[in-house]
Amino acid sequence: MLLVVALALEPTLWPATAAGAAALLGLALVSHAGGQGLLAFALGHVSAAFSSVVVFLEAIAAALFAWAIFAETPGPDQIAGGALILVGIWIARPRQGQEARAQVVALQDEKGRADDV
């Protein structure tokens, strides 16, 4: 569907210069493939619930890059939103004690089922 809209609204789809093609390739590899690859890697190492919360760090990183590169100063609303994101991540972080208790409970359940047989 997006291809149809792009063909209807734009005269060309491909970059006109080598610099434009390089920028497009950089966006594809770094932003999309790199970002999605790192997210997939993270899902294998932390819980899906924690990963879904950490994804909100993208907004904080974007604001920091905008401030550092383009001198766009975040307003009070953006600063408050970033603080809320960080607090949410801190609350949702995996805790070692909870993981250990869950493993003990799982082992006890397995042992209990083995004893029943």
N, C-alpha and C. Protein backbone atom coordinates (compact mmCIF):
# COMPACT_ATOMS: atom_id res chain seq x y z
N MET A 1 0.81 -1.18 0.00
CA MET A 1 0.00 0.00 0.00
C MET A 1 0.86 1.26 0.00
N LEU A 2 1.94 1.26 0.79
CA LEU A 2 2.82 2.43 0.81
C LEU A 2 3.49 2.64 -0.54
N LEU A 3 3.80 1.57 -1.23
CA LEU A 3 4.40 1.70 -2.55
C LEU A 3 3.45 2.40 -3.51
N VAL A 4 2.19 2.06 -3.45
CA VAL A 4 1.19 2.70 -4.31
C VAL A 4 1.11 4.19 -4.01
N VAL A 5 1.09 4.55 -2.74
CA VAL A 5 1.02 5.96 -2.35
C VAL A 5 2.29 6.69 -2.81
N ALA A 6 3.46 6.07 -2.60
CA ALA A 6 4.71 6.70 -3.01
C ALA A 6 4.76 6.90 -4.52
N LEU A 7 4.32 5.91 -5.28
CA LEU A 7 4.31 6.04 -6.75
C LEU A 7 3.35 7.14 -7.20
N ALA A 8 2.26 7.29 -6.48
CA ALA A 8 1.27 8.31 -6.85
C ALA A 8 1.73 9.72 -6.50
N LEU A 9 2.50 9.86 -5.44
CA LEU A 9 2.85 11.19 -4.95
C LEU A 9 4.26 11.65 -5.31
N GLU A 10 5.14 10.75 -5.64
CA GLU A 10 6.53 11.11 -5.91
C GLU A 10 6.92 10.74 -7.34
N PRO A 11 7.68 11.59 -8.01
CA PRO A 11 8.09 11.27 -9.38
C PRO A 11 9.15 10.16 -9.43
N THR A 12 10.01 10.07 -8.41
CA THR A 12 11.03 9.01 -8.38
C THR A 12 11.10 8.42 -6.98
N LEU A 13 11.54 7.18 -6.92
CA LEU A 13 11.69 6.53 -5.62
C LEU A 13 13.15 6.38 -5.21
N TRP A 14 14.06 6.46 -6.16
CA TRP A 14 15.47 6.22 -5.89
C TRP A 14 16.22 7.53 -5.73
N PRO A 15 17.25 7.55 -4.92
CA PRO A 15 18.05 8.77 -4.76
C PRO A 15 18.70 9.17 -6.08
N ALA A 16 18.82 10.47 -6.30
CA ALA A 16 19.38 10.97 -7.56
C ALA A 16 20.90 11.02 -7.54
N THR A 17 21.51 11.02 -6.37
CA THR A 17 22.96 11.12 -6.27
C THR A 17 23.54 9.95 -5.48
N ALA A 18 24.84 9.78 -5.60
CA ALA A 18 25.53 8.73 -4.84
C ALA A 18 25.47 9.03 -3.34
N ALA A 19 25.54 10.31 -2.99
CA ALA A 19 25.45 10.68 -1.57
C ALA A 19 24.06 10.32 -1.02
N GLY A 20 23.03 10.53 -1.82
CA GLY A 20 21.68 10.16 -1.40
C GLY A 20 21.53 8.66 -1.23
N ALA A 21 22.15 7.90 -2.16
CA ALA A 21 22.11 6.44 -2.06
C ALA A 21 22.88 5.96 -0.83
N ALA A 22 24.01 6.60 -0.54
CA ALA A 22 24.80 6.23 0.65
C ALA A 22 24.01 6.52 1.92
N ALA A 23 23.32 7.66 1.95
CA ALA A 23 22.50 8.00 3.12
C ALA A 23 21.37 6.99 3.29
N LEU A 24 20.74 6.60 2.19
CA LEU A 24 19.67 5.61 2.25
C LEU A 24 20.19 4.27 2.75
N LEU A 25 21.34 3.86 2.25
CA LEU A 25 21.95 2.60 2.68
C LEU A 25 22.33 2.67 4.16
N GLY A 26 22.87 3.81 4.58
CA GLY A 26 23.23 3.97 5.99
C GLY A 26 22.01 3.88 6.90
N LEU A 27 20.90 4.52 6.48
CA LEU A 27 19.68 4.44 7.27
C LEU A 27 19.17 3.00 7.34
N ALA A 28 19.25 2.30 6.22
CA ALA A 28 18.76 0.92 6.19
C ALA A 28 19.60 0.02 7.10
N LEU A 29 20.91 0.15 7.02
CA LEU A 29 21.78 -0.75 7.78
C LEU A 29 21.86 -0.39 9.26
N VAL A 30 22.08 0.88 9.55
CA VAL A 30 22.29 1.28 10.93
C VAL A 30 20.97 1.38 11.68
N SER A 31 20.07 2.18 11.16
CA SER A 31 18.84 2.44 11.89
C SER A 31 17.92 1.23 11.93
N HIS A 32 17.70 0.62 10.81
CA HIS A 32 16.72 -0.46 10.78
C HIS A 32 17.34 -1.81 11.13
N ALA A 33 18.26 -2.28 10.31
CA ALA A 33 18.82 -3.62 10.54
C ALA A 33 19.58 -3.68 11.87
N GLY A 34 20.37 -2.65 12.17
CA GLY A 34 21.10 -2.64 13.43
C GLY A 34 20.18 -2.58 14.62
N GLY A 35 19.21 -1.69 14.56
CA GLY A 35 18.27 -1.55 15.68
C GLY A 35 17.42 -2.78 15.89
N GLN A 36 16.87 -3.31 14.83
CA GLN A 36 16.04 -4.51 14.96
C GLN A 36 16.89 -5.71 15.38
N GLY A 37 18.11 -5.79 14.86
CA GLY A 37 19.00 -6.89 15.24
C GLY A 37 19.34 -6.85 16.72
N LEU A 38 19.64 -5.65 17.23
CA LEU A 38 19.94 -5.52 18.65
C LEU A 38 18.72 -5.82 19.51
N LEU A 39 17.55 -5.42 19.05
CA LEU A 39 16.33 -5.72 19.80
C LEU A 39 16.08 -7.22 19.84
N ALA A 40 16.26 -7.90 18.72
CA ALA A 40 16.09 -9.36 18.69
C ALA A 40 17.11 -10.04 19.60
N PHE A 41 18.34 -9.56 19.59
CA PHE A 41 19.38 -10.10 20.46
C PHE A 41 19.00 -9.91 21.93
N ALA A 42 18.49 -8.72 22.26
CA ALA A 42 18.11 -8.42 23.64
C ALA A 42 16.99 -9.32 24.11
N LEU A 43 16.04 -9.63 23.23
CA LEU A 43 14.92 -10.49 23.63
C LEU A 43 15.39 -11.88 24.03
N GLY A 44 16.53 -12.31 23.52
CA GLY A 44 17.08 -13.60 23.91
C GLY A 44 17.78 -13.57 25.25
N HIS A 45 18.04 -12.38 25.77
CA HIS A 45 18.82 -12.27 27.00
C HIS A 45 18.06 -11.66 28.17
N VAL A 46 16.97 -10.98 27.92
CA VAL A 46 16.15 -10.43 29.00
C VAL A 46 14.69 -10.76 28.69
N SER A 47 13.84 -10.56 29.65
CA SER A 47 12.43 -10.90 29.46
C SER A 47 11.79 -9.96 28.44
N ALA A 48 10.75 -10.44 27.80
CA ALA A 48 10.02 -9.63 26.83
C ALA A 48 9.39 -8.42 27.50
N ALA A 49 8.92 -8.58 28.73
CA ALA A 49 8.30 -7.46 29.45
C ALA A 49 9.32 -6.36 29.69
N PHE A 50 10.52 -6.72 30.12
CA PHE A 50 11.55 -5.71 30.36
C PHE A 50 12.01 -5.09 29.06
N SER A 51 12.16 -5.89 28.01
CA SER A 51 12.56 -5.35 26.69
C SER A 51 11.56 -4.34 26.19
N SER A 52 10.28 -4.61 26.37
CA SER A 52 9.26 -3.69 25.87
C SER A 52 9.33 -2.35 26.59
N VAL A 53 9.74 -2.34 27.85
CA VAL A 53 9.88 -1.09 28.58
C VAL A 53 11.15 -0.36 28.15
N VAL A 54 12.24 -1.11 27.96
CA VAL A 54 13.51 -0.51 27.59
C VAL A 54 13.45 0.14 26.21
N VAL A 55 12.57 -0.33 25.34
CA VAL A 55 12.41 0.27 24.02
C VAL A 55 12.11 1.76 24.13
N PHE A 56 11.50 2.17 25.23
CA PHE A 56 11.20 3.59 25.43
C PHE A 56 12.45 4.44 25.58
N LEU A 57 13.60 3.81 25.79
CA LEU A 57 14.86 4.56 25.84
C LEU A 57 15.15 5.24 24.51
N GLU A 58 14.55 4.76 23.43
CA GLU A 58 14.75 5.38 22.12
C GLU A 58 14.34 6.85 22.16
N ALA A 59 13.26 7.16 22.83
CA ALA A 59 12.80 8.54 22.92
C ALA A 59 13.81 9.40 23.67
N ILE A 60 14.38 8.86 24.74
CA ILE A 60 15.39 9.62 25.49
C ILE A 60 16.64 9.81 24.65
N ALA A 61 17.07 8.76 23.96
CA ALA A 61 18.25 8.88 23.10
C ALA A 61 18.02 9.89 21.99
N ALA A 62 16.84 9.88 21.39
CA ALA A 62 16.54 10.84 20.33
C ALA A 62 16.60 12.27 20.86
N ALA A 63 16.06 12.50 22.04
CA ALA A 63 16.11 13.84 22.63
C ALA A 63 17.54 14.27 22.94
N LEU A 64 18.34 13.33 23.44
CA LEU A 64 19.74 13.66 23.74
C LEU A 64 20.53 13.96 22.47
N PHE A 65 20.30 13.18 21.41
CA PHE A 65 20.97 13.45 20.14
C PHE A 65 20.52 14.78 19.55
N ALA A 66 19.24 15.09 19.64
CA ALA A 66 18.74 16.37 19.15
C ALA A 66 19.37 17.52 19.91
N TRP A 67 19.56 17.35 21.21
CA TRP A 67 20.20 18.38 22.02
C TRP A 67 21.68 18.53 21.64
N ALA A 68 22.38 17.38 21.50
CA ALA A 68 23.82 17.42 21.23
C ALA A 68 24.14 17.86 19.80
N ILE A 69 23.36 17.41 18.84
CA ILE A 69 23.68 17.68 17.44
C ILE A 69 23.03 18.96 16.92
N PHE A 70 21.77 19.17 17.27
CA PHE A 70 21.03 20.29 16.70
C PHE A 70 20.75 21.41 17.70
N ALA A 71 21.29 21.30 18.90
CA ALA A 71 21.11 22.31 19.94
C ALA A 71 19.63 22.55 20.26
N GLU A 72 18.83 21.51 20.19
CA GLU A 72 17.41 21.60 20.55
C GLU A 72 17.29 21.31 22.05
N THR A 73 16.98 22.32 22.79
CA THR A 73 16.87 22.17 24.24
C THR A 73 15.54 21.54 24.61
N PRO A 74 15.56 20.45 25.36
CA PRO A 74 14.30 19.83 25.79
C PRO A 74 13.56 20.74 26.76
N GLY A 75 12.25 20.77 26.62
CA GLY A 75 11.43 21.56 27.52
C GLY A 75 11.09 20.79 28.78
N PRO A 76 10.40 21.43 29.69
CA PRO A 76 10.03 20.76 30.95
C PRO A 76 9.19 19.50 30.73
N ASP A 77 8.31 19.53 29.74
CA ASP A 77 7.48 18.34 29.47
C ASP A 77 8.34 17.16 29.01
N GLN A 78 9.31 17.44 28.13
CA GLN A 78 10.19 16.37 27.64
C GLN A 78 11.07 15.83 28.76
N ILE A 79 11.56 16.72 29.60
CA ILE A 79 12.41 16.27 30.73
C ILE A 79 11.59 15.42 31.70
N ALA A 80 10.37 15.84 31.98
CA ALA A 80 9.50 15.06 32.88
C ALA A 80 9.17 13.70 32.25
N GLY A 81 8.90 13.69 30.95
CA GLY A 81 8.62 12.42 30.27
C GLY A 81 9.81 11.49 30.31
N GLY A 82 11.01 12.03 30.08
CA GLY A 82 12.22 11.20 30.16
C GLY A 82 12.43 10.64 31.55
N ALA A 83 12.16 11.47 32.56
CA ALA A 83 12.29 10.99 33.94
C ALA A 83 11.30 9.88 34.23
N LEU A 84 10.08 10.02 33.75
CA LEU A 84 9.07 8.96 33.95
C LEU A 84 9.49 7.66 33.26
N ILE A 85 10.08 7.78 32.07
CA ILE A 85 10.55 6.58 31.38
C ILE A 85 11.64 5.89 32.20
N LEU A 86 12.58 6.66 32.70
CA LEU A 86 13.67 6.06 33.50
C LEU A 86 13.14 5.43 34.78
N VAL A 87 12.17 6.07 35.44
CA VAL A 87 11.58 5.49 36.64
C VAL A 87 10.85 4.19 36.30
N GLY A 88 10.12 4.19 35.18
CA GLY A 88 9.42 2.97 34.76
C GLY A 88 10.37 1.82 34.48
N ILE A 89 11.49 2.13 33.84
CA ILE A 89 12.50 1.08 33.58
C ILE A 89 13.09 0.58 34.89
N TRP A 90 13.35 1.50 35.81
CA TRP A 90 13.91 1.07 37.10
C TRP A 90 12.93 0.17 37.84
N ILE A 91 11.64 0.51 37.81
CA ILE A 91 10.63 -0.31 38.48
C ILE A 91 10.51 -1.68 37.82
N ALA A 92 10.58 -1.73 36.48
CA ALA A 92 10.37 -2.98 35.75
C ALA A 92 11.61 -3.84 35.61
N ARG A 93 12.75 -3.36 36.11
CA ARG A 93 14.01 -4.08 35.92
C ARG A 93 13.93 -5.49 36.53
N PRO A 94 14.63 -6.43 35.91
CA PRO A 94 14.67 -7.77 36.50
C PRO A 94 15.44 -7.74 37.82
N ARG A 95 14.96 -8.49 38.76
CA ARG A 95 15.63 -8.56 40.05
C ARG A 95 16.15 -9.98 40.25
N GLN A 96 17.37 -10.07 40.75
CA GLN A 96 18.00 -11.37 40.92
C GLN A 96 17.22 -12.25 41.89
N GLY A 97 16.74 -11.69 42.97
CA GLY A 97 16.01 -12.48 43.96
C GLY A 97 14.75 -13.10 43.40
N GLN A 98 14.03 -12.36 42.59
CA GLN A 98 12.79 -12.87 42.01
C GLN A 98 13.08 -14.03 41.05
N GLU A 99 14.13 -13.88 40.25
CA GLU A 99 14.47 -14.95 39.31
C GLU A 99 14.87 -16.22 40.06
N ALA A 100 15.66 -16.07 41.12
CA ALA A 100 16.09 -17.23 41.90
C ALA A 100 14.90 -17.91 42.55
N ARG A 101 13.96 -17.14 43.13
CA ARG A 101 12.78 -17.73 43.74
C ARG A 101 11.93 -18.47 42.70
N ALA A 102 11.81 -17.90 41.52
CA ALA A 102 11.02 -18.54 40.46
C ALA A 102 11.65 -19.88 40.06
N GLN A 103 12.98 -19.92 40.01
CA GLN A 103 13.65 -21.17 39.67
C GLN A 103 13.46 -22.22 40.76
N VAL A 104 13.52 -21.81 42.02
CA VAL A 104 13.32 -22.75 43.13
C VAL A 104 11.90 -23.30 43.08
N VAL A 105 10.92 -22.43 42.86
CA VAL A 105 9.53 -22.88 42.78
C VAL A 105 9.35 -23.86 41.63
N ALA A 106 9.95 -23.56 40.48
CA ALA A 106 9.83 -24.45 39.32
C ALA A 106 10.46 -25.81 39.63
N LEU A 107 11.60 -25.83 40.29
CA LEU A 107 12.25 -27.10 40.65
C LEU A 107 11.41 -27.87 41.66
N GLN A 108 10.81 -27.18 42.62
CA GLN A 108 9.97 -27.86 43.59
C GLN A 108 8.74 -28.45 42.92
N ASP A 109 8.16 -27.72 41.96
CA ASP A 109 6.99 -28.24 41.24
C ASP A 109 7.36 -29.50 40.46
N GLU A 110 8.54 -29.49 39.81
CA GLU A 110 8.98 -30.67 39.06
C GLU A 110 9.20 -31.85 39.99
N LYS A 111 9.81 -31.60 41.14
CA LYS A 111 10.07 -32.66 42.11
C LYS A 111 8.75 -33.22 42.64
N GLY A 112 7.79 -32.32 42.92
CA GLY A 112 6.48 -32.76 43.41
C GLY A 112 5.76 -33.62 42.39
N ARG A 113 5.87 -33.29 41.14
CA ARG A 113 5.23 -34.12 40.10
C ARG A 113 5.90 -35.46 39.95
N ALA A 114 7.25 -35.46 40.14
CA ALA A 114 8.00 -36.72 40.04
C ALA A 114 7.63 -37.64 41.21
N ASP A 115 7.39 -37.06 42.39
CA ASP A 115 7.03 -37.86 43.56
C ASP A 115 5.64 -38.45 43.41
N ASP A 116 4.76 -37.76 42.68
CA ASP A 116 3.39 -38.24 42.50
C ASP A 116 3.33 -39.46 41.59
N VAL A 117 4.33 -39.66 40.77
CA VAL A 117 4.28 -40.75 39.78
C VAL A 117 4.65 -42.05 40.37
